[in-house]
Amino acid sequence: MINNYAYLAADWSGLRIIDISNVAAPFEVGFLDTDGFAYGVVVRNSYAYVADFYDGLRIIDVSDPSEPFEVGFFPCDLAEDVAVRGNYAYVAYGSGLKIVDISDPSSPFEAGFFNYGGYAYGITVNGNYAYLAAGYLGLQIIDINDPSQPYKVSSYDTGDYAVNVTTNGNYIYVADYEDGLYILQHNYIEVT
């Protein structure tokens, strides 16, 4: 939720923007039908960053929620989810992690990548680490301190099929399909 609006990655229906100022009566105020399947979205500084599956990362100006429009695009096959920190978008995709420089939203470019031989479904970024929900490979933790040279620092076998991840403080929460929720703590990793 940003300024009484919810931004929904709505699969084949693209980006939907919902006014939730009255939670009892939400209504759609704007939408943009992206070319692919909108699977993940994050909003920062009047831009929505959409992981659009076959059609990569779409950057959409949402300064007027009733009239969103695309300002930039980065090709990345099988983009599933996206996180943004500073001038970088972190995209979970078919082979791992793409790090995209978004300092100019109209001209995004690859700053780095990490391929680990598996599929990434969900991503969150906290401090200098990207946390990837990596299907049968569980949780993958990637050091992103230098965006041009990310590397794996740890992993955790969740037992089933990791599909999403988030963090809060020193805790990592992993949605693991039929195994449910894993709550992990990494004392040796400083999470800020």
C-alpha atoms as a PDB file:
ATOM      1  CA  MET A   1       0.000   0.000   0.000  1.00  0.00           C
ATOM      2  CA  ILE A   2       1.307   3.440  -0.969  1.00  0.00           C
ATOM      3  CA  ASN A   3      -0.727   6.594  -0.226  1.00  0.00           C
ATOM      4  CA  ASN A   4      -4.055   4.710   0.031  1.00  0.00           C
ATOM      5  CA  TYR A   5      -3.409   2.710  -3.126  1.00  0.00           C
ATOM      6  CA  ALA A   6      -2.731  -0.988  -3.499  1.00  0.00           C
ATOM      7  CA  TYR A   7      -0.750  -2.163  -6.527  1.00  0.00           C
ATOM      8  CA  LEU A   8      -1.636  -5.608  -7.777  1.00  0.00           C
ATOM      9  CA  ALA A   9       0.400  -7.778 -10.126  1.00  0.00           C
ATOM     10  CA  ALA A  10      -2.591  -9.436 -11.768  1.00  0.00           C
ATOM     11  CA  ASP A  11      -1.046 -12.081 -14.028  1.00  0.00           C
ATOM     12  CA  TRP A  12      -2.417 -11.725 -17.585  1.00  0.00           C
ATOM     13  CA  SER A  13      -4.398  -8.631 -16.476  1.00  0.00           C
ATOM     14  CA  GLY A  14      -1.214  -6.611 -15.892  1.00  0.00           C
ATOM     15  CA  LEU A  15      -0.856  -3.947 -13.206  1.00  0.00           C
ATOM     16  CA  ARG A  16      -4.039  -2.963 -11.373  1.00  0.00           C
ATOM     17  CA  ILE A  17      -4.181   0.074  -9.073  1.00  0.00           C
ATOM     18  CA  ILE A  18      -6.821  -0.049  -6.348  1.00  0.00           C
ATOM     19  CA  ASP A  19      -7.992   2.860  -4.174  1.00  0.00           C
ATOM     20  CA  ILE A  20      -8.230   1.480  -0.636  1.00  0.00           C
ATOM     21  CA  SER A  21      -8.844   4.746   1.223  1.00  0.00           C
ATOM     22  CA  ASN A  22     -12.153   3.163   2.290  1.00  0.00           C
ATOM     23  CA  VAL A  23     -11.233  -0.460   2.999  1.00  0.00           C
ATOM     24  CA  ALA A  24     -14.919  -1.435   3.026  1.00  0.00           C
ATOM     25  CA  ALA A  25     -15.326  -0.247  -0.564  1.00  0.00           C
ATOM     26  CA  PRO A  26     -12.091  -0.556  -2.596  1.00  0.00           C
ATOM     27  CA  PHE A  27     -12.245   0.310  -6.275  1.00  0.00           C
ATOM     28  CA  GLU A  28      -9.919   0.257  -9.268  1.00  0.00           C
ATOM     29  CA  VAL A  29      -8.610   3.667 -10.325  1.00  0.00           C
ATOM     30  CA  GLY A  30      -6.147   2.677 -13.020  1.00  0.00           C
ATOM     31  CA  PHE A  31      -4.464  -0.178 -14.828  1.00  0.00           C
ATOM     32  CA  LEU A  32      -1.815  -0.976 -17.393  1.00  0.00           C
ATOM     33  CA  ASP A  33      -2.116  -4.168 -19.390  1.00  0.00           C
ATOM     34  CA  THR A  34       1.488  -5.334 -19.594  1.00  0.00           C
ATOM     35  CA  ASP A  35       2.560  -7.582 -22.469  1.00  0.00           C
ATOM     36  CA  GLY A  36       3.383 -10.593 -20.297  1.00  0.00           C
ATOM     37  CA  PHE A  37       2.130 -12.063 -17.042  1.00  0.00           C
ATOM     38  CA  ALA A  38       2.551  -9.663 -14.113  1.00  0.00           C
ATOM     39  CA  TYR A  39       3.765 -11.898 -11.269  1.00  0.00           C
ATOM     40  CA  GLY A  40       5.454  -9.433  -8.906  1.00  0.00           C
ATOM     41  CA  VAL A  41       5.317  -5.701  -8.233  1.00  0.00           C
ATOM     42  CA  VAL A  42       6.987  -3.199  -5.928  1.00  0.00           C
ATOM     43  CA  VAL A  43       6.448   0.572  -5.876  1.00  0.00           C
ATOM     44  CA  ARG A  44       9.173   3.134  -5.115  1.00  0.00           C
ATOM     45  CA  ASN A  45       9.272   6.891  -5.769  1.00  0.00           C
ATOM     46  CA  SER A  46       6.265   7.053  -8.128  1.00  0.00           C
ATOM     47  CA  TYR A  47       7.397   4.034 -10.154  1.00  0.00           C
ATOM     48  CA  ALA A  48       5.984   0.519 -10.165  1.00  0.00           C
ATOM     49  CA  TYR A  49       8.508  -2.190 -11.009  1.00  0.00           C
ATOM     50  CA  VAL A  50       6.701  -5.189 -12.459  1.00  0.00           C
ATOM     51  CA  ALA A  51       8.169  -8.674 -12.940  1.00  0.00           C
ATOM     52  CA  ASP A  52       6.322  -9.525 -16.157  1.00  0.00           C
ATOM     53  CA  PHE A  53       7.427 -13.139 -16.696  1.00  0.00           C
ATOM     54  CA  TYR A  54       8.306 -13.571 -20.424  1.00  0.00           C
ATOM     55  CA  ASP A  55       8.470  -9.810 -20.864  1.00  0.00           C
ATOM     56  CA  GLY A  56      11.052  -9.002 -18.211  1.00  0.00           C
ATOM     57  CA  LEU A  57      11.053  -5.997 -15.901  1.00  0.00           C
ATOM     58  CA  ARG A  58       8.593  -3.231 -16.748  1.00  0.00           C
ATOM     59  CA  ILE A  59       9.014   0.205 -15.153  1.00  0.00           C
ATOM     60  CA  ILE A  60       5.751   2.103 -14.911  1.00  0.00           C
ATOM     61  CA  ASP A  61       5.178   5.711 -13.877  1.00  0.00           C
ATOM     62  CA  VAL A  62       2.329   5.701 -11.331  1.00  0.00           C
ATOM     63  CA  SER A  63       2.576   9.347 -10.227  1.00  0.00           C
ATOM     64  CA  ASP A  64      -1.010   9.657 -11.495  1.00  0.00           C
ATOM     65  CA  PRO A  65      -2.598   6.353 -10.422  1.00  0.00           C
ATOM     66  CA  SER A  66      -5.460   6.826 -12.882  1.00  0.00           C
ATOM     67  CA  GLU A  67      -3.077   7.088 -15.857  1.00  0.00           C
ATOM     68  CA  PRO A  68      -0.083   4.763 -15.391  1.00  0.00           C
ATOM     69  CA  PHE A  69       2.334   4.513 -18.321  1.00  0.00           C
ATOM     70  CA  GLU A  70       5.486   2.556 -19.060  1.00  0.00           C
ATOM     71  CA  VAL A  71       8.759   4.497 -19.017  1.00  0.00           C
ATOM     72  CA  GLY A  72      11.338   1.712 -19.155  1.00  0.00           C
ATOM     73  CA  PHE A  73      11.924  -1.962 -19.836  1.00  0.00           C
ATOM     74  CA  PHE A  74      14.643  -4.519 -19.124  1.00  0.00           C
ATOM     75  CA  PRO A  75      14.554  -7.877 -20.949  1.00  0.00           C
ATOM     76  CA  CYS A  76      14.733 -10.816 -18.560  1.00  0.00           C
ATOM     77  CA  ASP A  77      13.082 -14.094 -19.465  1.00  0.00           C
ATOM     78  CA  LEU A  78      10.898 -15.726 -16.799  1.00  0.00           C
ATOM     79  CA  ALA A  79      10.827 -12.757 -14.386  1.00  0.00           C
ATOM     80  CA  GLU A  80       8.876 -13.949 -11.331  1.00  0.00           C
ATOM     81  CA  ASP A  81       9.395 -11.317  -8.625  1.00  0.00           C
ATOM     82  CA  VAL A  82      11.191  -8.044  -7.968  1.00  0.00           C
ATOM     83  CA  ALA A  83      12.627  -6.089  -5.043  1.00  0.00           C
ATOM     84  CA  VAL A  84      14.059  -2.558  -5.124  1.00  0.00           C
ATOM     85  CA  ARG A  85      16.736  -0.986  -2.970  1.00  0.00           C
ATOM     86  CA  GLY A  86      18.401   2.313  -3.809  1.00  0.00           C
ATOM     87  CA  ASN A  87      19.267   2.510  -7.511  1.00  0.00           C
ATOM     88  CA  TYR A  88      18.865  -1.220  -8.139  1.00  0.00           C
ATOM     89  CA  ALA A  89      16.042  -3.604  -8.937  1.00  0.00           C
ATOM     90  CA  TYR A  90      16.635  -7.235  -7.993  1.00  0.00           C
ATOM     91  CA  VAL A  91      14.752  -9.652 -10.233  1.00  0.00           C
ATOM     92  CA  ALA A  92      14.093 -13.298  -9.384  1.00  0.00           C
ATOM     93  CA  TYR A  93      13.993 -15.109 -12.705  1.00  0.00           C
ATOM     94  CA  GLY A  94      14.399 -18.458 -14.435  1.00  0.00           C
ATOM     95  CA  SER A  95      18.099 -18.928 -13.646  1.00  0.00           C
ATOM     96  CA  GLY A  96      18.564 -16.963 -10.435  1.00  0.00           C
ATOM     97  CA  LEU A  97      19.071 -13.262  -9.827  1.00  0.00           C
ATOM     98  CA  LYS A  98      19.419 -10.271 -12.153  1.00  0.00           C
ATOM     99  CA  ILE A  99      20.545  -6.936 -10.699  1.00  0.00           C
ATOM    100  CA  VAL A 100      19.319  -3.997 -12.777  1.00  0.00           C
ATOM    101  CA  ASP A 101      20.562  -0.416 -12.459  1.00  0.00           C
ATOM    102  CA  ILE A 102      17.421   1.765 -12.383  1.00  0.00           C
ATOM    103  CA  SER A 103      19.077   5.111 -11.613  1.00  0.00           C
ATOM    104  CA  ASP A 104      17.513   6.273 -14.901  1.00  0.00           C
ATOM    105  CA  PRO A 105      14.130   4.468 -15.019  1.00  0.00           C
ATOM    106  CA  SER A 106      13.860   5.094 -18.770  1.00  0.00           C
ATOM    107  CA  SER A 107      17.172   3.294 -19.466  1.00  0.00           C
ATOM    108  CA  PRO A 108      17.635   0.362 -17.069  1.00  0.00           C
ATOM    109  CA  PHE A 109      20.665  -1.865 -17.630  1.00  0.00           C
ATOM    110  CA  GLU A 110      22.187  -4.984 -16.118  1.00  0.00           C
ATOM    111  CA  ALA A 111      24.613  -4.293 -13.286  1.00  0.00           C
ATOM    112  CA  GLY A 112      25.179  -7.920 -12.312  1.00  0.00           C
ATOM    113  CA  PHE A 113      23.686 -11.394 -12.133  1.00  0.00           C
ATOM    114  CA  PHE A 114      23.941 -14.612 -10.198  1.00  0.00           C
ATOM    115  CA  ASN A 115      22.954 -17.918 -11.773  1.00  0.00           C
ATOM    116  CA  TYR A 116      22.958 -20.919  -9.474  1.00  0.00           C
ATOM    117  CA  GLY A 117      21.399 -23.516 -11.746  1.00  0.00           C
ATOM    118  CA  GLY A 118      17.911 -23.245 -10.315  1.00  0.00           C
ATOM    119  CA  TYR A 119      14.709 -21.301 -10.729  1.00  0.00           C
ATOM    120  CA  ALA A 120      13.930 -18.300  -8.494  1.00  0.00           C
ATOM    121  CA  TYR A 121      10.307 -17.596  -7.585  1.00  0.00           C
ATOM    122  CA  GLY A 122      10.426 -14.977  -4.854  1.00  0.00           C
ATOM    123  CA  ILE A 123      12.903 -12.366  -3.650  1.00  0.00           C
ATOM    124  CA  THR A 124      13.403  -9.915  -0.854  1.00  0.00           C
ATOM    125  CA  VAL A 125      16.364  -7.669  -0.118  1.00  0.00           C
ATOM    126  CA  ASN A 126      17.519  -6.734   3.354  1.00  0.00           C
ATOM    127  CA  GLY A 127      20.830  -5.007   4.067  1.00  0.00           C
ATOM    128  CA  ASN A 128      23.536  -6.371   1.787  1.00  0.00           C
ATOM    129  CA  TYR A 129      21.710  -9.619   1.057  1.00  0.00           C
ATOM    130  CA  ALA A 130      19.158 -10.880  -1.421  1.00  0.00           C
ATOM    131  CA  TYR A 131      17.056 -13.814  -0.267  1.00  0.00           C
ATOM    132  CA  LEU A 132      15.727 -16.044  -3.043  1.00  0.00           C
ATOM    133  CA  ALA A 133      12.927 -18.598  -2.793  1.00  0.00           C
ATOM    134  CA  ALA A 134      14.414 -21.128  -5.184  1.00  0.00           C
ATOM    135  CA  GLY A 135      11.935 -23.958  -5.598  1.00  0.00           C
ATOM    136  CA  TYR A 136      13.518 -27.349  -4.840  1.00  0.00           C
ATOM    137  CA  LEU A 137      16.790 -25.587  -3.974  1.00  0.00           C
ATOM    138  CA  GLY A 138      15.098 -23.956  -0.965  1.00  0.00           C
ATOM    139  CA  LEU A 139      16.408 -20.619   0.272  1.00  0.00           C
ATOM    140  CA  GLN A 140      19.456 -19.071  -1.393  1.00  0.00           C
ATOM    141  CA  ILE A 141      21.187 -16.111   0.296  1.00  0.00           C
ATOM    142  CA  ILE A 142      23.214 -13.882  -2.010  1.00  0.00           C
ATOM    143  CA  ASP A 143      25.651 -11.138  -0.990  1.00  0.00           C
ATOM    144  CA  ILE A 144      24.814  -8.065  -3.091  1.00  0.00           C
ATOM    145  CA  ASN A 145      27.182  -5.568  -1.453  1.00  0.00           C
ATOM    146  CA  ASP A 146      28.903  -5.206  -4.841  1.00  0.00           C
ATOM    147  CA  PRO A 147      26.027  -5.365  -7.371  1.00  0.00           C
ATOM    148  CA  SER A 148      28.437  -6.227 -10.177  1.00  0.00           C
ATOM    149  CA  GLN A 149      29.720  -9.327  -8.355  1.00  0.00           C
ATOM    150  CA  PRO A 150      27.002 -10.998  -6.271  1.00  0.00           C
ATOM    151  CA  TYR A 151      27.855 -14.352  -4.691  1.00  0.00           C
ATOM    152  CA  LYS A 152      26.138 -17.007  -2.610  1.00  0.00           C
ATOM    153  CA  VAL A 153      26.901 -16.908   1.111  1.00  0.00           C
ATOM    154  CA  SER A 154      24.457 -19.502   2.367  1.00  0.00           C
ATOM    155  CA  SER A 155      21.490 -21.699   1.553  1.00  0.00           C
ATOM    156  CA  TYR A 156      18.880 -23.697   3.424  1.00  0.00           C
ATOM    157  CA  ASP A 157      17.051 -26.793   2.220  1.00  0.00           C
ATOM    158  CA  THR A 158      13.424 -26.156   3.109  1.00  0.00           C
ATOM    159  CA  GLY A 159      12.373 -29.681   2.261  1.00  0.00           C
ATOM    160  CA  ASP A 160       9.724 -28.990  -0.362  1.00  0.00           C
ATOM    161  CA  TYR A 161       9.381 -26.152  -2.890  1.00  0.00           C
ATOM    162  CA  ALA A 162      10.227 -22.600  -1.760  1.00  0.00           C
ATOM    163  CA  VAL A 163       7.935 -20.143  -3.554  1.00  0.00           C
ATOM    164  CA  ASN A 164       8.175 -16.900  -1.591  1.00  0.00           C
ATOM    165  CA  VAL A 165      10.332 -15.189   1.029  1.00  0.00           C
ATOM    166  CA  THR A 166      10.375 -12.107   3.233  1.00  0.00           C
ATOM    167  CA  THR A 167      12.455 -10.870   6.168  1.00  0.00           C
ATOM    168  CA  ASN A 168      11.819  -9.014   9.390  1.00  0.00           C
ATOM    169  CA  GLY A 169      14.778  -8.141  11.580  1.00  0.00           C
ATOM    170  CA  ASN A 170      16.973 -11.241  11.953  1.00  0.00           C
ATOM    171  CA  TYR A 171      14.226 -13.588  10.801  1.00  0.00           C
ATOM    172  CA  ILE A 172      13.619 -15.022   7.354  1.00  0.00           C
ATOM    173  CA  TYR A 173      10.172 -16.352   6.461  1.00  0.00           C
ATOM    174  CA  VAL A 174       9.941 -18.845   3.615  1.00  0.00           C
ATOM    175  CA  ALA A 175       6.688 -20.127   2.083  1.00  0.00           C
ATOM    176  CA  ASP A 176       7.478 -23.729   1.156  1.00  0.00           C
ATOM    177  CA  TYR A 177       4.495 -25.114  -0.737  1.00  0.00           C
ATOM    178  CA  GLU A 178       3.107 -28.179   1.131  1.00  0.00           C
ATOM    179  CA  ASP A 179       5.613 -27.874   3.994  1.00  0.00           C
ATOM    180  CA  GLY A 180       4.067 -24.539   4.961  1.00  0.00           C
ATOM    181  CA  LEU A 181       6.069 -21.743   6.577  1.00  0.00           C
ATOM    182  CA  TYR A 182       9.708 -21.899   7.646  1.00  0.00           C
ATOM    183  CA  ILE A 183      10.989 -19.280  10.089  1.00  0.00           C
ATOM    184  CA  LEU A 184      14.777 -19.084  10.058  1.00  0.00           C
ATOM    185  CA  GLN A 185      17.295 -17.010  11.971  1.00  0.00           C
ATOM    186  CA  HIS A 186      20.801 -16.211  10.770  1.00  0.00           C
ATOM    187  CA  ASN A 187      22.798 -14.824  13.671  1.00  0.00           C
ATOM    188  CA  TYR A 188      26.001 -14.727  11.631  1.00  0.00           C
ATOM    189  CA  ILE A 189      24.447 -12.477   8.982  1.00  0.00           C
ATOM    190  CA  GLU A 190      23.918  -8.903  10.061  1.00  0.00           C
ATOM    191  CA  VAL A 191      20.504  -7.870   8.778  1.00  0.00           C
ATOM    192  CA  THR A 192      19.699  -4.189   8.971  1.00  0.00           C
END
